[in-house]
N, C-alpha and C. Protein backbone atom coordinates (compact mmCIF):
# COMPACT_ATOMS: atom_id res chain seq x y z
N MET A 1 9.96 12.86 -8.49
CA MET A 1 8.97 11.86 -8.12
C MET A 1 9.70 10.59 -7.75
N THR A 2 9.23 9.93 -6.72
CA THR A 2 9.77 8.63 -6.34
C THR A 2 8.68 7.59 -6.49
N THR A 3 9.05 6.47 -7.02
CA THR A 3 8.09 5.42 -7.28
C THR A 3 8.56 4.14 -6.60
N ALA A 4 7.76 3.65 -5.68
CA ALA A 4 8.17 2.49 -4.89
C ALA A 4 8.13 1.19 -5.67
N SER A 5 7.43 1.15 -6.77
CA SER A 5 7.32 -0.11 -7.49
C SER A 5 8.49 -0.35 -8.44
N ASP A 6 9.35 0.64 -8.64
CA ASP A 6 10.47 0.52 -9.55
C ASP A 6 11.74 0.28 -8.73
N PRO A 7 12.33 -0.92 -8.81
CA PRO A 7 13.48 -1.22 -7.96
C PRO A 7 14.70 -0.37 -8.28
N SER A 8 14.75 0.30 -9.42
CA SER A 8 15.91 1.11 -9.75
C SER A 8 15.80 2.53 -9.22
N CYS A 9 14.65 2.89 -8.67
CA CYS A 9 14.48 4.26 -8.21
C CYS A 9 14.86 4.39 -6.75
N PRO A 10 15.17 5.61 -6.30
CA PRO A 10 15.58 5.81 -4.91
C PRO A 10 14.55 5.35 -3.90
N ALA A 11 13.27 5.44 -4.20
CA ALA A 11 12.24 5.07 -3.23
C ALA A 11 12.35 3.62 -2.85
N ALA A 12 12.62 2.77 -3.83
CA ALA A 12 12.69 1.35 -3.55
C ALA A 12 13.93 1.00 -2.74
N SER A 13 14.96 1.85 -2.81
CA SER A 13 16.18 1.54 -2.10
C SER A 13 16.34 2.35 -0.82
N GLY A 14 15.29 3.10 -0.39
CA GLY A 14 15.38 3.70 0.91
C GLY A 14 14.98 5.15 1.06
N ASP A 15 14.35 5.80 0.08
CA ASP A 15 13.87 7.17 0.27
C ASP A 15 13.05 7.19 1.55
N SER A 16 13.45 8.02 2.51
CA SER A 16 12.85 7.92 3.84
C SER A 16 11.36 8.22 3.87
N ARG A 17 10.90 9.24 3.16
CA ARG A 17 9.47 9.55 3.22
C ARG A 17 8.66 8.43 2.57
N THR A 18 9.12 7.93 1.45
CA THR A 18 8.40 6.83 0.79
C THR A 18 8.38 5.59 1.68
N GLU A 19 9.49 5.31 2.31
CA GLU A 19 9.55 4.16 3.21
C GLU A 19 8.66 4.37 4.43
N ARG A 20 8.57 5.59 4.92
CA ARG A 20 7.68 5.88 6.03
C ARG A 20 6.22 5.70 5.62
N VAL A 21 5.90 6.08 4.39
CA VAL A 21 4.53 5.86 3.88
C VAL A 21 4.26 4.36 3.81
N ARG A 22 5.22 3.60 3.28
CA ARG A 22 5.05 2.15 3.19
C ARG A 22 4.83 1.54 4.58
N GLU A 23 5.61 1.98 5.56
CA GLU A 23 5.45 1.46 6.92
C GLU A 23 4.10 1.85 7.51
N ALA A 24 3.63 3.06 7.20
CA ALA A 24 2.30 3.47 7.66
C ALA A 24 1.24 2.55 7.07
N LEU A 25 1.39 2.20 5.80
CA LEU A 25 0.41 1.33 5.14
C LEU A 25 0.44 -0.09 5.70
N ARG A 26 1.56 -0.49 6.27
CA ARG A 26 1.62 -1.80 6.92
C ARG A 26 0.72 -1.87 8.15
N ARG A 27 0.30 -0.74 8.65
CA ARG A 27 -0.59 -0.70 9.81
C ARG A 27 -2.06 -0.83 9.40
N VAL A 28 -2.32 -0.84 8.10
CA VAL A 28 -3.69 -0.98 7.59
C VAL A 28 -3.93 -2.47 7.35
N ILE A 29 -4.82 -3.03 8.15
CA ILE A 29 -5.10 -4.47 8.11
C ILE A 29 -6.40 -4.71 7.35
N ASP A 30 -6.36 -5.62 6.41
CA ASP A 30 -7.58 -6.04 5.72
C ASP A 30 -8.41 -6.80 6.75
N PRO A 31 -9.59 -6.28 7.13
CA PRO A 31 -10.35 -6.91 8.22
C PRO A 31 -10.89 -8.29 7.88
N GLU A 32 -11.05 -8.59 6.62
CA GLU A 32 -11.55 -9.92 6.25
C GLU A 32 -10.44 -10.97 6.26
N ILE A 33 -9.21 -10.54 5.96
CA ILE A 33 -8.11 -11.49 5.84
C ILE A 33 -7.19 -11.44 7.05
N GLY A 34 -7.08 -10.27 7.68
CA GLY A 34 -6.25 -10.14 8.87
C GLY A 34 -4.78 -9.92 8.60
N VAL A 35 -4.44 -9.47 7.40
CA VAL A 35 -3.06 -9.22 7.00
C VAL A 35 -3.00 -7.79 6.48
N ASN A 36 -1.85 -7.13 6.67
CA ASN A 36 -1.75 -5.75 6.20
C ASN A 36 -1.75 -5.67 4.68
N ILE A 37 -2.15 -4.50 4.17
CA ILE A 37 -2.34 -4.34 2.73
C ILE A 37 -1.04 -4.35 1.94
N VAL A 38 0.08 -4.02 2.58
CA VAL A 38 1.37 -4.09 1.88
C VAL A 38 1.74 -5.55 1.65
N ASP A 39 1.72 -6.36 2.72
CA ASP A 39 2.10 -7.76 2.57
C ASP A 39 1.11 -8.56 1.73
N LEU A 40 -0.14 -8.11 1.69
CA LEU A 40 -1.10 -8.77 0.80
C LEU A 40 -0.81 -8.47 -0.67
N GLY A 41 0.01 -7.48 -0.93
CA GLY A 41 0.32 -7.12 -2.31
C GLY A 41 -0.72 -6.19 -2.92
N LEU A 42 -1.50 -5.53 -2.07
CA LEU A 42 -2.55 -4.64 -2.57
C LEU A 42 -2.02 -3.26 -2.93
N VAL A 43 -0.86 -2.88 -2.41
CA VAL A 43 -0.27 -1.57 -2.71
C VAL A 43 0.61 -1.73 -3.94
N TYR A 44 0.18 -1.13 -5.03
CA TYR A 44 0.91 -1.25 -6.29
C TYR A 44 1.95 -0.17 -6.47
N ARG A 45 1.71 1.02 -5.93
CA ARG A 45 2.62 2.12 -6.20
C ARG A 45 2.51 3.17 -5.10
N ILE A 46 3.66 3.70 -4.72
CA ILE A 46 3.72 4.83 -3.81
C ILE A 46 4.58 5.88 -4.50
N GLU A 47 4.04 7.07 -4.66
CA GLU A 47 4.79 8.18 -5.24
C GLU A 47 4.78 9.35 -4.27
N VAL A 48 5.92 9.97 -4.11
CA VAL A 48 6.02 11.20 -3.34
C VAL A 48 6.59 12.25 -4.27
N LEU A 49 5.84 13.31 -4.49
CA LEU A 49 6.25 14.39 -5.38
C LEU A 49 5.98 15.71 -4.68
N ASP A 50 7.05 16.46 -4.44
CA ASP A 50 6.93 17.76 -3.75
C ASP A 50 6.17 17.63 -2.44
N GLY A 51 6.37 16.53 -1.73
CA GLY A 51 5.74 16.34 -0.43
C GLY A 51 4.35 15.75 -0.48
N ASP A 52 3.75 15.69 -1.66
CA ASP A 52 2.43 15.08 -1.80
C ASP A 52 2.59 13.58 -2.05
N VAL A 53 1.63 12.81 -1.58
CA VAL A 53 1.69 11.35 -1.69
C VAL A 53 0.55 10.86 -2.56
N ARG A 54 0.90 9.94 -3.44
CA ARG A 54 -0.10 9.24 -4.24
C ARG A 54 0.15 7.75 -4.06
N VAL A 55 -0.92 7.05 -3.71
CA VAL A 55 -0.84 5.59 -3.52
C VAL A 55 -1.84 4.95 -4.46
N GLU A 56 -1.38 3.95 -5.19
CA GLU A 56 -2.28 3.14 -6.00
C GLU A 56 -2.41 1.79 -5.31
N LEU A 57 -3.66 1.43 -5.04
CA LEU A 57 -3.88 0.12 -4.44
C LEU A 57 -5.04 -0.57 -5.12
N THR A 58 -5.09 -1.85 -4.92
CA THR A 58 -6.13 -2.66 -5.53
C THR A 58 -6.80 -3.49 -4.44
N MET A 59 -7.78 -4.24 -4.82
CA MET A 59 -8.47 -5.15 -3.91
C MET A 59 -8.22 -6.58 -4.41
N THR A 60 -8.49 -7.54 -3.56
CA THR A 60 -8.28 -8.94 -3.98
C THR A 60 -9.27 -9.34 -5.06
N THR A 61 -10.40 -8.64 -5.13
CA THR A 61 -11.41 -8.90 -6.15
C THR A 61 -12.19 -7.61 -6.41
N PRO A 62 -12.63 -7.39 -7.65
CA PRO A 62 -13.42 -6.18 -7.92
C PRO A 62 -14.72 -6.12 -7.11
N ALA A 63 -15.20 -7.24 -6.64
CA ALA A 63 -16.44 -7.26 -5.85
C ALA A 63 -16.21 -6.97 -4.37
N CYS A 64 -14.97 -6.73 -3.98
CA CYS A 64 -14.65 -6.49 -2.57
C CYS A 64 -15.38 -5.24 -2.08
N PRO A 65 -16.14 -5.36 -1.01
CA PRO A 65 -16.89 -4.21 -0.50
C PRO A 65 -16.05 -3.26 0.36
N LEU A 66 -14.78 -3.56 0.55
CA LEU A 66 -13.95 -2.80 1.48
C LEU A 66 -13.13 -1.69 0.83
N HIS A 67 -13.33 -1.41 -0.45
CA HIS A 67 -12.45 -0.46 -1.12
C HIS A 67 -12.46 0.92 -0.46
N GLU A 68 -13.61 1.45 -0.13
CA GLU A 68 -13.66 2.77 0.52
C GLU A 68 -13.07 2.71 1.92
N TYR A 69 -13.36 1.66 2.65
CA TYR A 69 -12.83 1.50 4.00
C TYR A 69 -11.30 1.47 3.98
N LEU A 70 -10.70 0.64 3.09
CA LEU A 70 -9.25 0.52 3.04
C LEU A 70 -8.60 1.81 2.54
N ALA A 71 -9.21 2.49 1.58
CA ALA A 71 -8.67 3.76 1.10
C ALA A 71 -8.68 4.80 2.22
N THR A 72 -9.76 4.85 2.99
CA THR A 72 -9.84 5.79 4.11
C THR A 72 -8.82 5.44 5.18
N LYS A 73 -8.69 4.18 5.52
CA LYS A 73 -7.72 3.75 6.52
C LYS A 73 -6.29 4.04 6.06
N ALA A 74 -6.03 3.85 4.77
CA ALA A 74 -4.69 4.14 4.23
C ALA A 74 -4.38 5.63 4.35
N THR A 75 -5.32 6.47 3.98
CA THR A 75 -5.12 7.92 4.10
C THR A 75 -4.90 8.31 5.55
N GLU A 76 -5.70 7.79 6.45
CA GLU A 76 -5.56 8.10 7.88
C GLU A 76 -4.19 7.65 8.41
N ALA A 77 -3.75 6.47 8.02
CA ALA A 77 -2.47 5.95 8.49
C ALA A 77 -1.32 6.83 8.00
N ILE A 78 -1.38 7.23 6.75
CA ILE A 78 -0.31 8.09 6.20
C ILE A 78 -0.29 9.42 6.94
N ARG A 79 -1.45 10.03 7.11
CA ARG A 79 -1.51 11.33 7.80
C ARG A 79 -1.02 11.23 9.25
N ARG A 80 -1.35 10.13 9.92
CA ARG A 80 -0.95 9.94 11.32
C ARG A 80 0.55 9.64 11.43
N GLU A 81 1.06 8.75 10.60
CA GLU A 81 2.44 8.27 10.73
C GLU A 81 3.47 9.13 9.99
N VAL A 82 3.02 9.89 8.99
CA VAL A 82 3.93 10.71 8.19
C VAL A 82 3.33 12.12 8.10
N PRO A 83 3.29 12.84 9.21
CA PRO A 83 2.58 14.12 9.25
C PRO A 83 3.21 15.22 8.39
N ASP A 84 4.44 15.01 7.91
CA ASP A 84 5.10 16.05 7.12
C ASP A 84 4.79 15.97 5.63
N VAL A 85 3.77 15.19 5.23
CA VAL A 85 3.38 15.15 3.82
C VAL A 85 2.28 16.18 3.56
N GLY A 86 2.13 16.52 2.29
CA GLY A 86 1.07 17.45 1.90
C GLY A 86 -0.21 16.69 1.61
N GLU A 87 -0.65 16.79 0.37
CA GLU A 87 -1.86 16.10 -0.06
C GLU A 87 -1.61 14.59 -0.09
N VAL A 88 -2.65 13.83 0.24
CA VAL A 88 -2.59 12.37 0.17
C VAL A 88 -3.72 11.91 -0.73
N GLY A 89 -3.37 11.20 -1.79
CA GLY A 89 -4.37 10.64 -2.68
C GLY A 89 -4.22 9.13 -2.75
N VAL A 90 -5.31 8.43 -2.54
CA VAL A 90 -5.31 6.97 -2.63
C VAL A 90 -6.26 6.60 -3.76
N MET A 91 -5.71 6.00 -4.81
CA MET A 91 -6.49 5.64 -5.97
C MET A 91 -6.63 4.12 -6.06
N LEU A 92 -7.81 3.69 -6.39
CA LEU A 92 -8.08 2.27 -6.60
C LEU A 92 -7.80 1.94 -8.06
N VAL A 93 -7.00 0.92 -8.29
CA VAL A 93 -6.66 0.48 -9.65
C VAL A 93 -6.94 -1.01 -9.78
N TRP A 94 -7.15 -1.44 -10.99
CA TRP A 94 -7.45 -2.86 -11.24
C TRP A 94 -6.45 -3.54 -12.17
N ASP A 95 -5.48 -2.79 -12.63
CA ASP A 95 -4.52 -3.34 -13.59
C ASP A 95 -3.11 -3.21 -13.01
N PRO A 96 -2.44 -4.31 -12.81
CA PRO A 96 -2.85 -5.67 -13.13
C PRO A 96 -3.80 -6.22 -12.08
N PRO A 97 -4.60 -7.20 -12.46
CA PRO A 97 -5.49 -7.82 -11.47
C PRO A 97 -4.65 -8.47 -10.36
N TRP A 98 -5.14 -8.35 -9.13
CA TRP A 98 -4.44 -8.95 -8.00
C TRP A 98 -4.46 -10.47 -8.12
N HIS A 99 -3.39 -11.09 -7.67
CA HIS A 99 -3.26 -12.54 -7.66
C HIS A 99 -2.53 -12.94 -6.37
N PRO A 100 -2.86 -14.09 -5.78
CA PRO A 100 -2.20 -14.50 -4.53
C PRO A 100 -0.67 -14.52 -4.61
N ASP A 101 -0.10 -14.67 -5.79
CA ASP A 101 1.35 -14.64 -5.92
C ASP A 101 1.95 -13.29 -5.55
N MET A 102 1.11 -12.25 -5.45
CA MET A 102 1.58 -10.91 -5.12
C MET A 102 1.80 -10.75 -3.61
N MET A 103 1.37 -11.71 -2.83
CA MET A 103 1.55 -11.64 -1.38
C MET A 103 3.02 -11.88 -1.02
N SER A 104 3.44 -11.24 0.06
CA SER A 104 4.79 -11.47 0.56
C SER A 104 4.87 -12.86 1.22
N ALA A 105 6.08 -13.29 1.45
CA ALA A 105 6.29 -14.56 2.14
C ALA A 105 5.68 -14.50 3.54
N GLU A 106 5.77 -13.33 4.19
CA GLU A 106 5.21 -13.15 5.52
C GLU A 106 3.69 -13.34 5.48
N ALA A 107 3.02 -12.76 4.49
CA ALA A 107 1.56 -12.92 4.37
C ALA A 107 1.20 -14.38 4.13
N ARG A 108 1.93 -15.04 3.26
CA ARG A 108 1.65 -16.46 3.01
C ARG A 108 1.81 -17.28 4.29
N HIS A 109 2.84 -16.93 5.05
CA HIS A 109 3.06 -17.64 6.32
C HIS A 109 1.91 -17.38 7.29
N GLN A 110 1.48 -16.11 7.41
CA GLN A 110 0.38 -15.76 8.31
C GLN A 110 -0.90 -16.50 7.93
N LEU A 111 -1.08 -16.73 6.64
CA LEU A 111 -2.29 -17.38 6.16
C LEU A 111 -2.16 -18.89 6.04
N GLY A 112 -1.02 -19.42 6.47
CA GLY A 112 -0.80 -20.86 6.42
C GLY A 112 -0.59 -21.40 5.02
N MET A 113 -0.10 -20.55 4.13
CA MET A 113 0.11 -20.95 2.73
C MET A 113 1.58 -21.24 2.44
N ALA A 114 2.44 -21.07 3.43
CA ALA A 114 3.90 -21.28 3.18
C ALA A 114 4.39 -22.51 3.87
């Protein structure tokens, strides 16, 4: 298993399939904010195990109405950009709660916060 959230694991340092999944998720834009879900800090974990992909993502708020939309778009992006994966599961998680500090410098810049 590779876990993208752990900097000591191979996924964080360049496992190609995990990195391809991460790049696919960068193509998923939050339509309300206009920034991709990776740079927004919504993707908490990417795991690739025996070719299957599991993604844990969150929303900026539990009241966000876009959870199904973003989960569907994430699954579609992974299937389109990384066709050599097996099952794709996108799970919504709330722990830890999302905070603006989780955004990348690029997202802060896009939003005029940097």
